[in-house]
Each structure stands twice: as structure tokens, then as C-alpha cells.
Amino acid sequence: MKKIGLVGGISWASTVDYYRYINEETNKKMGSLNFAECIIYSVNFEHFRTYNAQYNWDATFRLLVDAAFQLKNAGAEILLLGANTAHIVAERISEKIGLPFIDIRTATANAINKQGLKKVGLIGTVYTMELNFYKDKFSEQSINVIIPESNTDRQYIEEKLLNELGKGILLPETKKKFIEIIEKLIKQGAEGIVLGCTEIPLIISQHDISIPVFNTTLIHAQAAVEAAL
């Protein structure tokens, strides 16, 4: 099995899930007491948040590519960025680092296509929802993406990701509001819902939603294990 390198800490709360999913999937496929050879480099989330808020993607790139090189130097043979938003600079990092790169957008689009869906609702950070780096990757596989129409709803999601979910704080009133926003997307015609921030699956699961839900953390981890094996 190839060594998996994960840039985490984006945030620590979802990195915990990545580690668990990677090892559960490895054991599911290999059995006995087999688990993943996995190296994690956890960045300071405050730096990531600050650079993103400034739309300073060069600084975001430098932060993440340094972490990626730390992993490569430690022996990682496959690379993952443990955040959807981090994929704003994914192509630059993949080209620079020279390791097999598992893209969360591609893995998620593949999962959507397996279910034959063509229109999905996307919730995540404001950058993931409002910029084109995510939608364009889905368009390559003929998947149409819709996001919450209300700027108020988008800002609500962003605020809760930063101040609650990114800290591991899970409140029932936040979950209720997230479900209300998702239900609006369903009324807009969404056939599936992409949980496009790796913290959102901490509070929303398939049990909460009537249409297919795509947990990008789980999908990404499974794709990494498949590549490693």
C-alpha cells in the first residue's frame, strides 16, 4: 500500500474524520489488522482563513504547498488536501509537488455520475459556493451545480463553518437551519446535495435529507485508499 499524505488542519475537526475514514476503508478492503500508512501535516487554520478572506490565493498556495512538500519529504506517495476550499489552488499544488494527487472535486463528481444525477445543490464555504473552481470541475462531467440563492443563507453557512463546525461545535439550531437551506435547494430542482465543506458532514448526514447526499470527506478518503491500493 502506498503511503497517503494528508494536508489537514483545515480544520482539525474534519481531519479526525479523514483519519478514521481512511483507516476504516483500508481495513474494509484488506481485512485482519490492516490499516493505512498515513502521514498528516496539520496547518494552522487561522492562516488559511486569513489568506482566503483576503482572496490572497498566492499566500494560500504557499501555505499548502509547503505542507505538501513536508509530506513528500516524509515519504508520502499520494497527496490529499483535506478541504474543498483548498482546491482553489489544487492544480498549482499538483503540478508543483509531483505526486499522484487525489482531487476531491473529481472524486465527488464521479460519485454523482454513478448515481446518474445531473443537477446537484452545493453548500460549502462562500468561496466554494460563489467561485467557479468547483462548478467548472463538475461541468467537465456534465453536472449542473446550484447554490443557495440568498446571500444571507450563504453568509450564514460561512459563519457557522468558521465559528462552530471548524471548532468541533455542533449545535441543533445550526443543523436545523442547514436543513432548511438544503430544502430550498431541493425546491430549486436539486437531485442530490453535495456537502462541499469537509466540516458539514459533522452535522448533516443522509438521514437528514430526502435525496442523495454526497459526503465529500468520505468520498475523498475512499478515493485515496483506492489509489493507495
Protein backbone atom coordinates (compact mmCIF):
# COMPACT_ATOMS: atom_id res chain seq x y z
CA MET A 1 0.00 0.00 0.00
CA LYS A 2 1.31 3.45 -0.90
CA LYS A 3 1.74 5.98 1.90
CA ILE A 4 -1.07 8.53 1.96
CA GLY A 5 -0.14 12.15 2.69
CA LEU A 6 -2.94 14.36 4.01
CA VAL A 7 -2.74 18.12 4.40
CA GLY A 8 -5.06 18.57 7.34
CA GLY A 9 -5.92 21.04 9.98
CA ILE A 10 -8.30 22.59 7.51
CA SER A 11 -9.86 22.19 10.10
CA TRP A 12 -8.72 19.68 12.71
CA ALA A 13 -12.34 18.59 13.24
CA SER A 14 -12.70 17.18 9.73
CA THR A 15 -9.12 15.84 9.78
CA VAL A 16 -10.26 13.48 12.55
CA ASP A 17 -12.91 12.13 10.18
CA TYR A 18 -10.38 11.80 7.35
CA TYR A 19 -8.10 9.69 9.53
CA ARG A 20 -10.96 7.48 10.66
CA TYR A 21 -12.44 7.04 7.17
CA ILE A 22 -9.06 6.25 5.60
CA ASN A 23 -8.34 3.56 8.14
CA GLU A 24 -11.85 2.10 8.13
CA GLU A 25 -11.81 1.86 4.34
CA THR A 26 -8.35 0.27 4.34
CA ASN A 27 -9.43 -2.34 6.85
CA LYS A 28 -12.66 -2.99 4.94
CA LYS A 29 -10.66 -3.78 1.81
CA MET A 30 -7.70 -5.61 3.38
CA GLY A 31 -9.17 -7.20 6.49
CA SER A 32 -7.35 -8.58 9.55
CA LEU A 33 -5.49 -5.77 11.31
CA ASN A 34 -4.51 -3.91 8.17
CA PHE A 35 -4.70 -0.13 8.40
CA ALA A 36 -3.38 2.73 6.30
CA GLU A 37 0.14 4.05 6.20
CA CYS A 38 -0.85 7.68 6.52
CA ILE A 39 1.08 10.88 7.22
CA ILE A 40 -0.76 14.03 8.29
CA TYR A 41 0.63 17.56 8.20
CA SER A 42 -1.75 19.89 10.01
CA VAL A 43 -1.60 23.57 9.08
CA ASN A 44 -2.73 26.49 11.23
CA PHE A 45 -6.34 27.07 10.20
CA GLU A 46 -6.15 30.76 11.16
CA HIS A 47 -3.55 31.35 8.45
CA PHE A 48 -5.71 29.53 5.89
CA ARG A 49 -8.80 31.51 6.90
CA THR A 50 -6.99 34.85 6.79
CA TYR A 51 -5.48 34.32 3.34
CA ASN A 52 -8.80 33.18 1.94
CA ALA A 53 -10.64 36.16 3.41
CA GLN A 54 -8.14 38.41 1.62
CA TYR A 55 -8.58 36.44 -1.61
CA ASN A 56 -4.81 36.06 -1.42
CA TRP A 57 -4.60 32.77 -3.27
CA ASP A 58 -0.82 33.04 -3.69
CA ALA A 59 -0.46 33.00 0.10
CA THR A 60 -2.90 30.11 0.35
CA PHE A 61 -0.85 28.27 -2.25
CA ARG A 62 2.41 28.87 -0.37
CA LEU A 63 0.89 27.65 2.90
CA LEU A 64 -0.44 24.44 1.37
CA VAL A 65 2.41 23.63 -0.99
CA ASP A 66 4.85 23.91 1.93
CA ALA A 67 2.73 21.41 3.84
CA ALA A 68 2.64 19.16 0.78
CA PHE A 69 6.42 19.20 0.49
CA GLN A 70 6.69 18.34 4.18
CA LEU A 71 4.59 15.26 3.47
CA LYS A 72 6.56 14.34 0.36
CA ASN A 73 9.83 14.65 2.26
CA ALA A 74 8.40 12.42 4.99
CA GLY A 75 7.70 9.68 2.43
CA ALA A 76 4.15 10.33 1.24
CA GLU A 77 3.42 8.76 -2.15
CA ILE A 78 -0.13 10.11 -2.65
CA LEU A 79 -1.37 13.59 -1.76
CA LEU A 80 -4.72 14.89 -0.48
CA LEU A 81 -5.79 18.38 0.53
CA GLY A 82 -8.26 17.90 3.37
CA ALA A 83 -10.59 20.75 2.41
CA ASN A 84 -12.82 21.59 -0.52
CA THR A 85 -11.83 25.27 -0.45
CA ALA A 86 -8.14 24.33 -0.65
CA HIS A 87 -8.80 23.04 -4.15
CA ILE A 88 -8.83 26.64 -5.40
CA VAL A 89 -5.07 26.08 -5.74
CA ALA A 90 -5.21 22.32 -6.38
CA GLU A 91 -3.85 22.38 -9.91
CA ARG A 92 -0.90 24.54 -8.89
CA ILE A 93 -0.03 22.24 -6.00
CA SER A 94 -0.43 19.07 -8.03
CA GLU A 95 1.90 20.39 -10.72
CA LYS A 96 4.46 21.63 -8.21
CA ILE A 97 4.58 18.63 -5.89
CA GLY A 98 4.91 15.86 -8.50
CA LEU A 99 2.91 13.23 -6.59
CA PRO A 100 -0.32 11.47 -7.56
CA PHE A 101 -3.00 13.94 -6.46
CA ILE A 102 -6.49 12.89 -5.38
CA ASP A 103 -8.86 15.73 -6.22
CA ILE A 104 -11.94 15.95 -4.01
CA ARG A 105 -13.98 17.54 -6.82
CA THR A 106 -13.21 14.78 -9.30
CA ALA A 107 -13.91 12.04 -6.76
CA THR A 108 -17.24 13.64 -5.85
CA ALA A 109 -18.26 14.18 -9.46
CA ASN A 110 -17.51 10.51 -10.13
CA ALA A 111 -19.76 9.52 -7.23
CA ILE A 112 -22.56 11.73 -8.56
CA ASN A 113 -22.26 10.26 -12.04
CA LYS A 114 -22.51 6.75 -10.63
CA GLN A 115 -25.99 7.68 -9.43
CA GLY A 116 -26.89 9.25 -12.77
CA LEU A 117 -27.62 12.69 -11.36
CA LYS A 118 -27.27 15.82 -13.47
CA LYS A 119 -28.24 18.66 -11.12
CA VAL A 120 -26.93 18.97 -7.57
CA GLY A 121 -27.11 21.53 -4.82
CA LEU A 122 -23.80 22.63 -3.34
CA ILE A 123 -23.21 24.03 0.13
CA GLY A 124 -19.80 24.93 1.50
CA THR A 125 -17.70 28.00 2.19
CA VAL A 126 -18.59 31.17 0.33
CA TYR A 127 -15.56 30.54 -1.89
CA THR A 128 -16.69 27.04 -2.82
CA MET A 129 -20.23 28.22 -3.50
CA GLU A 130 -19.53 31.52 -5.25
CA LEU A 131 -16.29 30.98 -7.20
CA ASN A 132 -16.04 28.75 -10.26
CA PHE A 133 -13.26 26.32 -9.30
CA TYR A 134 -15.79 23.74 -8.06
CA LYS A 135 -18.57 24.28 -10.58
CA ASP A 136 -16.17 24.13 -13.53
CA LYS A 137 -14.81 20.76 -12.44
CA PHE A 138 -18.35 19.41 -12.23
CA SER A 139 -19.23 20.91 -15.61
CA GLU A 140 -16.47 18.81 -17.15
CA GLN A 141 -18.62 15.80 -16.22
CA SER A 142 -21.89 17.46 -17.36
CA ILE A 143 -23.11 18.08 -13.81
CA ASN A 144 -25.06 21.30 -13.20
CA VAL A 145 -24.47 22.96 -9.83
CA ILE A 146 -26.85 25.24 -7.95
CA ILE A 147 -26.10 27.09 -4.72
CA PRO A 148 -28.31 28.84 -2.14
CA GLU A 149 -29.88 31.84 -3.86
CA SER A 150 -29.87 34.01 -0.76
CA ASN A 151 -26.64 35.80 0.15
CA THR A 152 -27.89 35.72 3.74
CA ASP A 153 -28.02 31.91 3.62
CA ARG A 154 -24.54 31.71 2.10
CA GLN A 155 -23.11 34.01 4.74
CA TYR A 156 -24.87 32.03 7.48
CA ILE A 157 -23.18 28.83 6.30
CA GLU A 158 -19.79 30.57 6.17
CA GLU A 159 -20.14 32.00 9.67
CA LYS A 160 -21.15 28.67 11.18
CA LEU A 161 -18.32 26.84 9.43
CA LEU A 162 -15.75 29.23 10.85
CA ASN A 163 -17.11 29.81 14.33
CA GLU A 164 -18.76 26.48 15.15
CA LEU A 165 -18.08 23.48 12.93
CA GLY A 166 -14.41 24.34 12.37
CA LYS A 167 -14.00 24.24 16.15
CA GLY A 168 -15.95 21.00 16.55
CA ILE A 169 -19.00 22.81 17.96
CA LEU A 170 -22.23 21.16 16.79
CA LEU A 171 -25.49 22.89 17.72
CA PRO A 172 -29.02 21.63 16.97
CA GLU A 173 -30.25 25.06 15.85
CA THR A 174 -27.43 25.23 13.29
CA LYS A 175 -28.32 21.80 11.98
CA LYS A 176 -31.97 22.85 11.67
CA LYS A 177 -31.03 25.95 9.64
CA PHE A 178 -28.69 23.99 7.37
CA ILE A 179 -31.52 21.56 6.62
CA GLU A 180 -33.85 24.48 5.81
CA ILE A 181 -31.27 25.85 3.33
CA ILE A 182 -30.88 22.41 1.75
CA GLU A 183 -34.65 22.06 1.41
CA LYS A 184 -34.69 25.29 -0.60
CA LEU A 185 -32.14 23.76 -2.98
CA ILE A 186 -34.36 20.72 -3.37
CA LYS A 187 -37.25 23.01 -4.30
CA GLN A 188 -34.94 24.59 -6.91
CA GLY A 189 -34.60 21.17 -8.52
CA ALA A 190 -31.52 19.67 -6.89
CA GLU A 191 -31.40 15.89 -7.37
CA GLY A 192 -28.61 15.48 -4.84
CA ILE A 193 -26.80 17.58 -2.24
CA VAL A 194 -23.03 17.97 -2.12
CA LEU A 195 -21.71 18.65 1.37
CA GLY A 196 -18.94 20.74 -0.14
CA CYS A 197 -17.07 21.54 3.03
CA THR A 198 -15.44 18.72 4.96
CA GLU A 199 -16.91 20.04 8.24
CA ILE A 200 -20.53 19.91 7.09
CA PRO A 201 -20.80 16.08 7.42
CA LEU A 202 -20.14 16.60 11.14
CA ILE A 203 -23.68 17.96 11.41
CA ILE A 204 -25.58 16.79 8.30
CA SER A 205 -25.94 13.19 7.07
CA GLN A 206 -28.05 11.19 4.65
CA HIS A 207 -30.55 10.52 7.44
CA ASP A 208 -31.45 14.22 7.47
CA ILE A 209 -32.15 14.66 3.75
CA SER A 210 -34.69 13.04 1.41
CA ILE A 211 -32.43 12.97 -1.68
CA PRO A 212 -28.88 11.59 -2.13
CA VAL A 213 -26.26 13.31 -0.01
CA PHE A 214 -22.59 13.35 -1.01
CA ASN A 215 -20.22 13.43 1.95
CA THR A 216 -17.09 14.82 0.32
CA THR A 217 -14.87 13.85 3.26
CA LEU A 218 -15.85 10.20 3.00
CA ILE A 219 -15.74 10.17 -0.81
CA HIS A 220 -12.28 11.74 -0.81
CA ALA A 221 -10.94 9.30 1.78
CA GLN A 222 -12.30 6.31 -0.14
CA ALA A 223 -10.73 7.57 -3.37
CA ALA A 224 -7.39 7.93 -1.60
CA VAL A 225 -7.48 4.36 -0.31
CA GLU A 226 -8.45 3.04 -3.72
CA ALA A 227 -5.47 4.85 -5.26
CA ALA A 228 -3.12 3.71 -2.50
CA LEU A 229 -4.08 0.08 -3.01
